[in-house]
C-alpha atoms as a PDB file:
ATOM      1  CA  MET A   1     -93.584-258.290-109.845  1.00  0.00           C
ATOM      2  CA  ASP A   2     -89.831-257.946-109.880  1.00  0.00           C
ATOM      3  CA  GLN A   3     -88.184-256.584-106.743  1.00  0.00           C
ATOM      4  CA  THR A   4     -86.396-253.827-108.662  1.00  0.00           C
ATOM      5  CA  LYS A   5     -89.715-252.650-110.147  1.00  0.00           C
ATOM      6  CA  ILE A   6     -91.238-252.495-106.665  1.00  0.00           C
ATOM      7  CA  LEU A   7     -88.244-250.528-105.394  1.00  0.00           C
ATOM      8  CA  GLU A   8     -88.418-248.088-108.301  1.00  0.00           C
ATOM      9  CA  SER A   9     -92.156-247.653-107.755  1.00  0.00           C
ATOM     10  CA  MET A  10     -91.579-246.862-104.069  1.00  0.00           C
ATOM     11  CA  LYS A  11     -88.849-244.352-104.927  1.00  0.00           C
ATOM     12  CA  GLN A  12     -91.131-242.608-107.425  1.00  0.00           C
ATOM     13  CA  THR A  13     -93.966-242.473-104.874  1.00  0.00           C
ATOM     14  CA  LEU A  14     -91.658-240.942-102.249  1.00  0.00           C
ATOM     15  CA  LYS A  15     -90.377-238.335-104.703  1.00  0.00           C
ATOM     16  CA  VAL A  16     -93.915-237.260-105.534  1.00  0.00           C
ATOM     17  CA  ALA A  17     -94.998-237.283-101.871  1.00  0.00           C
ATOM     18  CA  MET A  18     -92.083-235.119-100.729  1.00  0.00           C
ATOM     19  CA  HIS A  19     -93.201-232.295-103.006  1.00  0.00           C
ATOM     20  CA  ASP A  20     -96.821-232.508-101.900  1.00  0.00           C
ATOM     21  CA  PRO A  21     -97.789-229.553 -99.654  1.00  0.00           C
ATOM     22  CA  LEU A  22    -100.027-231.793 -97.545  1.00  0.00           C
ATOM     23  CA  TRP A  23     -97.123-234.155 -96.852  1.00  0.00           C
ATOM     24  CA  GLN A  24     -94.868-231.233 -95.973  1.00  0.00           C
ATOM     25  CA  GLY A  25     -97.519-229.858 -93.616  1.00  0.00           C
ATOM     26  CA  VAL A  26     -97.892-233.199 -91.851  1.00  0.00           C
ATOM     27  CA  ALA A  27     -94.117-233.514 -91.536  1.00  0.00           C
ATOM     28  CA  GLY A  28     -93.844-229.957 -90.199  1.00  0.00           C
ATOM     29  CA  VAL A  29     -96.583-230.468 -87.600  1.00  0.00           C
ATOM     30  CA  THR A  30     -94.996-233.753 -86.521  1.00  0.00           C
ATOM     31  CA  ALA A  31     -91.604-232.078 -86.133  1.00  0.00           C
ATOM     32  CA  LEU A  32     -93.145-229.212 -84.160  1.00  0.00           C
ATOM     33  CA  ILE A  33     -94.894-231.631 -81.792  1.00  0.00           C
ATOM     34  CA  PHE A  34     -91.622-233.538 -81.292  1.00  0.00           C
ATOM     35  CA  VAL A  35     -89.700-230.344 -80.521  1.00  0.00           C
ATOM     36  CA  LEU A  36     -92.316-229.035 -78.087  1.00  0.00           C
ATOM     37  CA  ALA A  37     -92.565-232.420 -76.360  1.00  0.00           C
ATOM     38  CA  SER A  38     -88.790-232.690 -75.962  1.00  0.00           C
ATOM     39  CA  LEU A  39     -88.593-229.144 -74.552  1.00  0.00           C
ATOM     40  CA  ARG A  40     -91.386-229.908 -72.092  1.00  0.00           C
ATOM     41  CA  LEU A  41     -89.852-233.252 -71.084  1.00  0.00           C
ATOM     42  CA  CYS A  42     -86.480-231.719 -70.273  1.00  0.00           C
ATOM     43  CA  SER A  43     -88.146-228.886 -68.385  1.00  0.00           C
ATOM     44  CA  LYS A  44     -90.218-231.284 -66.270  1.00  0.00           C
ATOM     45  CA  ALA A  45     -87.138-233.392 -65.560  1.00  0.00           C
ATOM     46  CA  GLY A  46     -85.423-230.342 -64.085  1.00  0.00           C
ATOM     47  CA  TYR A  47     -82.981-229.666 -66.900  1.00  0.00           C
ATOM     48  CA  HIS A  48     -82.948-226.482 -68.950  1.00  0.00           C
ATOM     49  CA  SER A  49     -85.736-226.689 -71.507  1.00  0.00           C
ATOM     50  CA  LEU A  50     -83.393-225.876 -74.399  1.00  0.00           C
ATOM     51  CA  PHE A  51     -81.549-229.098 -73.569  1.00  0.00           C
ATOM     52  CA  GLY A  52     -84.365-230.772 -75.510  1.00  0.00           C
ATOM     53  CA  LEU A  53     -83.214-229.097 -78.737  1.00  0.00           C
ATOM     54  CA  LEU A  54     -80.152-231.337 -78.666  1.00  0.00           C
ATOM     55  CA  LEU A  55     -82.516-234.200 -79.475  1.00  0.00           C
ATOM     56  CA  LEU A  56     -82.705-232.773 -83.006  1.00  0.00           C
ATOM     57  CA  VAL A  57     -78.990-233.408 -83.619  1.00  0.00           C
ATOM     58  CA  PRO A  58     -78.454-236.824 -85.233  1.00  0.00           C
ATOM     59  CA  VAL A  59     -76.354-239.312 -83.228  1.00  0.00           C
ATOM     60  CA  LEU A  60     -76.230-236.874 -80.307  1.00  0.00           C
ATOM     61  CA  ASN A  61     -79.944-237.483 -79.795  1.00  0.00           C
ATOM     62  CA  LEU A  62     -79.233-241.106 -78.837  1.00  0.00           C
ATOM     63  CA  PHE A  63     -76.786-240.047 -76.131  1.00  0.00           C
ATOM     64  CA  ILE A  64     -79.106-237.309 -74.856  1.00  0.00           C
ATOM     65  CA  PHE A  65     -81.999-239.779 -74.725  1.00  0.00           C
ATOM     66  CA  LEU A  66     -79.910-242.263 -72.713  1.00  0.00           C
ATOM     67  CA  PHE A  67     -78.627-239.491 -70.441  1.00  0.00           C
ATOM     68  CA  VAL A  68     -82.135-238.261 -69.646  1.00  0.00           C
ATOM     69  CA  ALA A  69     -83.414-241.819 -69.209  1.00  0.00           C
ATOM     70  CA  PHE A  70     -80.746-243.124 -66.841  1.00  0.00           C
ATOM     71  CA  MET A  71     -79.213-240.177 -64.970  1.00  0.00           C
ATOM     72  CA  PRO A  72     -80.841-238.944 -61.759  1.00  0.00           C
ATOM     73  CA  TRP A  73     -83.067-236.002 -62.564  1.00  0.00           C
ATOM     74  CA  PRO A  74     -82.442-232.714 -60.735  1.00  0.00           C
ATOM     75  CA  ILE A  75     -86.115-232.575 -59.758  1.00  0.00           C
ATOM     76  CA  HIS A  76     -85.792-235.920 -57.949  1.00  0.00           C
ATOM     77  CA  ARG A  77     -82.688-234.729 -56.127  1.00  0.00           C
ATOM     78  CA  GLU A  78     -84.542-231.609 -54.983  1.00  0.00           C
ATOM     79  CA  LEU A  79     -87.528-233.687 -53.854  1.00  0.00           C
ATOM     80  CA  ARG A  80     -85.236-235.982 -51.847  1.00  0.00           C
ATOM     81  CA  GLU A  81     -83.636-232.966 -50.148  1.00  0.00           C
ATOM     82  CA  LEU A  82     -87.040-231.453 -49.308  1.00  0.00           C
ATOM     83  CA  ARG A  83     -88.223-234.742 -47.819  1.00  0.00           C
ATOM     84  CA  THR A  84     -85.067-234.910 -45.701  1.00  0.00           C
ATOM     85  CA  VAL A  85     -85.727-231.408 -44.356  1.00  0.00           C
ATOM     86  CA  GLN A  86     -89.362-232.303 -43.697  1.00  0.00           C
ATOM     87  CA  ASN A  87     -88.371-235.463 -41.782  1.00  0.00           C
ATOM     88  CA  ARG A  88     -85.890-233.502 -39.661  1.00  0.00           C
ATOM     89  CA  ALA A  89     -88.557-230.924 -38.830  1.00  0.00           C
ATOM     90  CA  ARG A  90     -90.990-233.711 -37.955  1.00  0.00           C
ATOM     91  CA  ASN A  91     -88.424-235.315 -35.621  1.00  0.00           C
ATOM     92  CA  VAL A  92     -87.812-231.974 -33.878  1.00  0.00           C
ATOM     93  CA  ASP A  93     -91.564-231.467 -33.434  1.00  0.00           C
ATOM     94  CA  GLN A  94     -91.986-234.963 -31.994  1.00  0.00           C
ATOM     95  CA  THR A  95     -89.113-234.391 -29.561  1.00  0.00           C
ATOM     96  CA  ARG A  96     -90.700-231.130 -28.377  1.00  0.00           C
ATOM     97  CA  LEU A  97     -94.063-232.851 -27.916  1.00  0.00           C
ATOM     98  CA  ARG A  98     -92.438-235.570 -25.796  1.00  0.00           C
ATOM     99  CA  ARG A  99     -90.835-232.955 -23.567  1.00  0.00           C
ATOM    100  CA  VAL A 100     -94.168-231.172 -23.053  1.00  0.00           C
ATOM    101  CA  ALA A 101     -96.083-234.362 -22.279  1.00  0.00           C
END
């Protein structure tokens, strides 16, 4: 079969599929899952959950993805600070125990 005939056949199939309600439903559910997942991901990372909506903007989504992947997450910074406070409290407690003993 000629390559142009194959290409035309694929184009025709896509045109028909785009107007099919089942295809539209699948695409809508997929988009909804992507949006909810991106909102949840940004929320768990410690950013505002609406930050995930920027992933829907073409080209900007690449930069947002790289930013979220490689920048330190606020939740990790908070965890590091809490561990520092906990270690300081532990050191104070150990010093007091040494004085008593």
